[in-house]
Amino acid sequence: MSQPLSDLPMIFIEYYLSLLIITKRQRFHNLNFIKFSENFHQ
């Protein structure tokens, strides 16, 4: 382990935050796509 233990929580937090941001973006894109397809089918 080259990383000291004190740095590990920060890495996990950044990883978790990035995952959250990615899932939020994907959800947002999915919502936009659903709205677009609904408008398209009307």
PDB file of N, CA and C in Angstrom:
ATOM      1  N   MET A   1       0.838  -1.199   0.000  1.00  0.00           N
ATOM      2  CA  MET A   1       0.000   0.000   0.000  1.00  0.00           C
ATOM      3  C   MET A   1       0.875   1.253   0.000  1.00  0.00           C
ATOM      4  N   SER A   2       0.844   1.972  -1.096  1.00  0.00           N
ATOM      5  CA  SER A   2       1.617   3.209  -1.155  1.00  0.00           C
ATOM      6  C   SER A   2       0.843   4.353  -0.498  1.00  0.00           C
ATOM      7  N   GLN A   3      -0.490   4.223  -0.471  1.00  0.00           N
ATOM      8  CA  GLN A   3      -1.293   5.284   0.132  1.00  0.00           C
ATOM      9  C   GLN A   3      -1.315   5.129   1.652  1.00  0.00           C
ATOM     10  N   PRO A   4      -1.150   6.212   2.387  1.00  0.00           N
ATOM     11  CA  PRO A   4      -1.370   6.145   3.838  1.00  0.00           C
ATOM     12  C   PRO A   4      -2.850   5.947   4.144  1.00  0.00           C
ATOM     13  N   LEU A   5      -3.117   5.385   5.288  1.00  0.00           N
ATOM     14  CA  LEU A   5      -4.506   5.075   5.625  1.00  0.00           C
ATOM     15  C   LEU A   5      -5.371   6.326   5.735  1.00  0.00           C
ATOM     16  N   SER A   6      -4.776   7.435   6.114  1.00  0.00           N
ATOM     17  CA  SER A   6      -5.575   8.649   6.294  1.00  0.00           C
ATOM     18  C   SER A   6      -6.154   9.136   4.967  1.00  0.00           C
ATOM     19  N   ASP A   7      -5.515   8.772   3.859  1.00  0.00           N
ATOM     20  CA  ASP A   7      -6.021   9.218   2.554  1.00  0.00           C
ATOM     21  C   ASP A   7      -7.147   8.329   2.034  1.00  0.00           C
ATOM     22  N   LEU A   8      -7.277   7.162   2.585  1.00  0.00           N
ATOM     23  CA  LEU A   8      -8.270   6.228   2.048  1.00  0.00           C
ATOM     24  C   LEU A   8      -9.706   6.749   2.134  1.00  0.00           C
ATOM     25  N   PRO A   9     -10.163   7.270   3.264  1.00  0.00           N
ATOM     26  CA  PRO A   9     -11.552   7.757   3.308  1.00  0.00           C
ATOM     27  C   PRO A   9     -11.829   8.805   2.239  1.00  0.00           C
ATOM     28  N   MET A  10     -10.883   9.706   2.018  1.00  0.00           N
ATOM     29  CA  MET A  10     -11.070  10.732   0.995  1.00  0.00           C
ATOM     30  C   MET A  10     -11.261  10.094  -0.375  1.00  0.00           C
ATOM     31  N   ILE A  11     -10.482   9.073  -0.662  1.00  0.00           N
ATOM     32  CA  ILE A  11     -10.609   8.405  -1.960  1.00  0.00           C
ATOM     33  C   ILE A  11     -11.993   7.772  -2.083  1.00  0.00           C
ATOM     34  N   PHE A  12     -12.436   7.129  -1.020  1.00  0.00           N
ATOM     35  CA  PHE A  12     -13.763   6.509  -1.073  1.00  0.00           C
ATOM     36  C   PHE A  12     -14.848   7.560  -1.239  1.00  0.00           C
ATOM     37  N   ILE A  13     -14.688   8.670  -0.549  1.00  0.00           N
ATOM     38  CA  ILE A  13     -15.695   9.739  -0.656  1.00  0.00           C
ATOM     39  C   ILE A  13     -15.741  10.289  -2.081  1.00  0.00           C
ATOM     40  N   GLU A  14     -14.579  10.534  -2.656  1.00  0.00           N
ATOM     41  CA  GLU A  14     -14.565  11.052  -4.033  1.00  0.00           C
ATOM     42  C   GLU A  14     -15.170  10.041  -4.994  1.00  0.00           C
ATOM     43  N   TYR A  15     -14.838   8.768  -4.774  1.00  0.00           N
ATOM     44  CA  TYR A  15     -15.382   7.721  -5.636  1.00  0.00           C
ATOM     45  C   TYR A  15     -16.897   7.664  -5.514  1.00  0.00           C
ATOM     46  N   TYR A  16     -17.384   7.738  -4.282  1.00  0.00           N
ATOM     47  CA  TYR A  16     -18.823   7.680  -4.041  1.00  0.00           C
ATOM     48  C   TYR A  16     -19.522   8.882  -4.678  1.00  0.00           C
ATOM     49  N   LEU A  17     -18.929  10.060  -4.497  1.00  0.00           N
ATOM     50  CA  LEU A  17     -19.521  11.266  -5.084  1.00  0.00           C
ATOM     51  C   LEU A  17     -19.561  11.180  -6.603  1.00  0.00           C
ATOM     52  N   SER A  18     -18.488  10.692  -7.184  1.00  0.00           N
ATOM     53  CA  SER A  18     -18.476  10.588  -8.644  1.00  0.00           C
ATOM     54  C   SER A  18     -19.537   9.595  -9.113  1.00  0.00           C
ATOM     55  N   LEU A  19     -19.705   8.509  -8.360  1.00  0.00           N
ATOM     56  CA  LEU A  19     -20.756   7.549  -8.714  1.00  0.00           C
ATOM     57  C   LEU A  19     -22.127   8.209  -8.625  1.00  0.00           C
ATOM     58  N   LEU A  20     -22.351   8.970  -7.573  1.00  0.00           N
ATOM     59  CA  LEU A  20     -23.633   9.656  -7.418  1.00  0.00           C
ATOM     60  C   LEU A  20     -23.891  10.587  -8.591  1.00  0.00           C
ATOM     61  N   ILE A  21     -22.887  11.367  -8.944  1.00  0.00           N
ATOM     62  CA  ILE A  21     -23.048  12.321 -10.048  1.00  0.00           C
ATOM     63  C   ILE A  21     -23.367  11.580 -11.339  1.00  0.00           C
ATOM     64  N   ILE A  22     -22.666  10.476 -11.575  1.00  0.00           N
ATOM     65  CA  ILE A  22     -22.893   9.718 -12.806  1.00  0.00           C
ATOM     66  C   ILE A  22     -24.315   9.167 -12.839  1.00  0.00           C
ATOM     67  N   THR A  23     -24.782   8.595 -11.723  1.00  0.00           N
ATOM     68  CA  THR A  23     -26.126   8.018 -11.728  1.00  0.00           C
ATOM     69  C   THR A  23     -27.180   9.112 -11.864  1.00  0.00           C
ATOM     70  N   LYS A  24     -26.939  10.269 -11.242  1.00  0.00           N
ATOM     71  CA  LYS A  24     -27.905  11.359 -11.399  1.00  0.00           C
ATOM     72  C   LYS A  24     -27.982  11.800 -12.848  1.00  0.00           C
ATOM     73  N   ARG A  25     -26.824  11.911 -13.489  1.00  0.00           N
ATOM     74  CA  ARG A  25     -26.826  12.321 -14.897  1.00  0.00           C
ATOM     75  C   ARG A  25     -27.558  11.300 -15.747  1.00  0.00           C
ATOM     76  N   GLN A  26     -27.306  10.030 -15.488  1.00  0.00           N
ATOM     77  CA  GLN A  26     -27.965   8.997 -16.288  1.00  0.00           C
ATOM     78  C   GLN A  26     -29.473   9.052 -16.083  1.00  0.00           C
ATOM     79  N   ARG A  27     -29.893   9.258 -14.841  1.00  0.00           N
ATOM     80  CA  ARG A  27     -31.324   9.338 -14.580  1.00  0.00           C
ATOM     81  C   ARG A  27     -31.915  10.533 -15.325  1.00  0.00           C
ATOM     82  N   PHE A  28     -31.200  11.641 -15.287  1.00  0.00           N
ATOM     83  CA  PHE A  28     -31.654  12.850 -15.971  1.00  0.00           C
ATOM     84  C   PHE A  28     -31.774  12.599 -17.470  1.00  0.00           C
ATOM     85  N   HIS A  29     -30.777  11.949 -18.041  1.00  0.00           N
ATOM     86  CA  HIS A  29     -30.826  11.637 -19.468  1.00  0.00           C
ATOM     87  C   HIS A  29     -31.988  10.706 -19.772  1.00  0.00           C
ATOM     88  N   ASN A  30     -32.221   9.734 -18.909  1.00  0.00           N
ATOM     89  CA  ASN A  30     -33.328   8.811 -19.133  1.00  0.00           C
ATOM     90  C   ASN A  30     -34.654   9.558 -19.102  1.00  0.00           C
ATOM     91  N   LEU A  31     -34.811  10.473 -18.153  1.00  0.00           N
ATOM     92  CA  LEU A  31     -36.044  11.254 -18.081  1.00  0.00           C
ATOM     93  C   LEU A  31     -36.228  12.080 -19.345  1.00  0.00           C
ATOM     94  N   ASN A  32     -35.173  12.730 -19.789  1.00  0.00           N
ATOM     95  CA  ASN A  32     -35.270  13.524 -21.010  1.00  0.00           C
ATOM     96  C   ASN A  32     -35.624  12.647 -22.195  1.00  0.00           C
ATOM     97  N   PHE A  33     -35.038  11.478 -22.245  1.00  0.00           N
ATOM     98  CA  PHE A  33     -35.314  10.580 -23.361  1.00  0.00           C
ATOM     99  C   PHE A  33     -36.764  10.108 -23.327  1.00  0.00           C
ATOM    100  N   ILE A  34     -37.274   9.816 -22.123  1.00  0.00           N
ATOM    101  CA  ILE A  34     -38.670   9.376 -22.009  1.00  0.00           C
ATOM    102  C   ILE A  34     -39.606  10.499 -22.455  1.00  0.00           C
ATOM    103  N   LYS A  35     -39.331  11.728 -22.008  1.00  0.00           N
ATOM    104  CA  LYS A  35     -40.170  12.853 -22.427  1.00  0.00           C
ATOM    105  C   LYS A  35     -40.117  13.029 -23.938  1.00  0.00           C
ATOM    106  N   PHE A  36     -38.921  12.939 -24.476  1.00  0.00           N
ATOM    107  CA  PHE A  36     -38.763  13.107 -25.913  1.00  0.00           C
ATOM    108  C   PHE A  36     -39.544  12.037 -26.671  1.00  0.00           C
ATOM    109  N   SER A  37     -39.442  10.790 -26.233  1.00  0.00           N
ATOM    110  CA  SER A  37     -40.134   9.716 -26.944  1.00  0.00           C
ATOM    111  C   SER A  37     -41.644   9.849 -26.785  1.00  0.00           C
ATOM    112  N   GLU A  38     -42.088  10.328 -25.614  1.00  0.00           N
ATOM    113  CA  GLU A  38     -43.532  10.533 -25.444  1.00  0.00           C
ATOM    114  C   GLU A  38     -44.023  11.612 -26.398  1.00  0.00           C
ATOM    115  N   ASN A  39     -43.291  12.706 -26.488  1.00  0.00           N
ATOM    116  CA  ASN A  39     -43.678  13.772 -27.414  1.00  0.00           C
ATOM    117  C   ASN A  39     -43.651  13.265 -28.849  1.00  0.00           C
ATOM    118  N   PHE A  40     -42.698  12.426 -29.129  1.00  0.00           N
ATOM    119  CA  PHE A  40     -42.543  11.922 -30.483  1.00  0.00           C
ATOM    120  C   PHE A  40     -43.709  11.020 -30.871  1.00  0.00           C
ATOM    121  N   HIS A  41     -44.235  10.283 -29.899  1.00  0.00           N
ATOM    122  CA  HIS A  41     -45.294   9.315 -30.213  1.00  0.00           C
ATOM    123  C   HIS A  41     -46.680   9.940 -30.225  1.00  0.00           C
ATOM    124  N   GLN A  42     -46.805  11.132 -29.709  1.00  0.00           N
ATOM    125  CA  GLN A  42     -48.141  11.736 -29.687  1.00  0.00           C
ATOM    126  C   GLN A  42     -48.592  12.152 -31.081  1.00  0.00           C
TER     127      GLN A  42
END
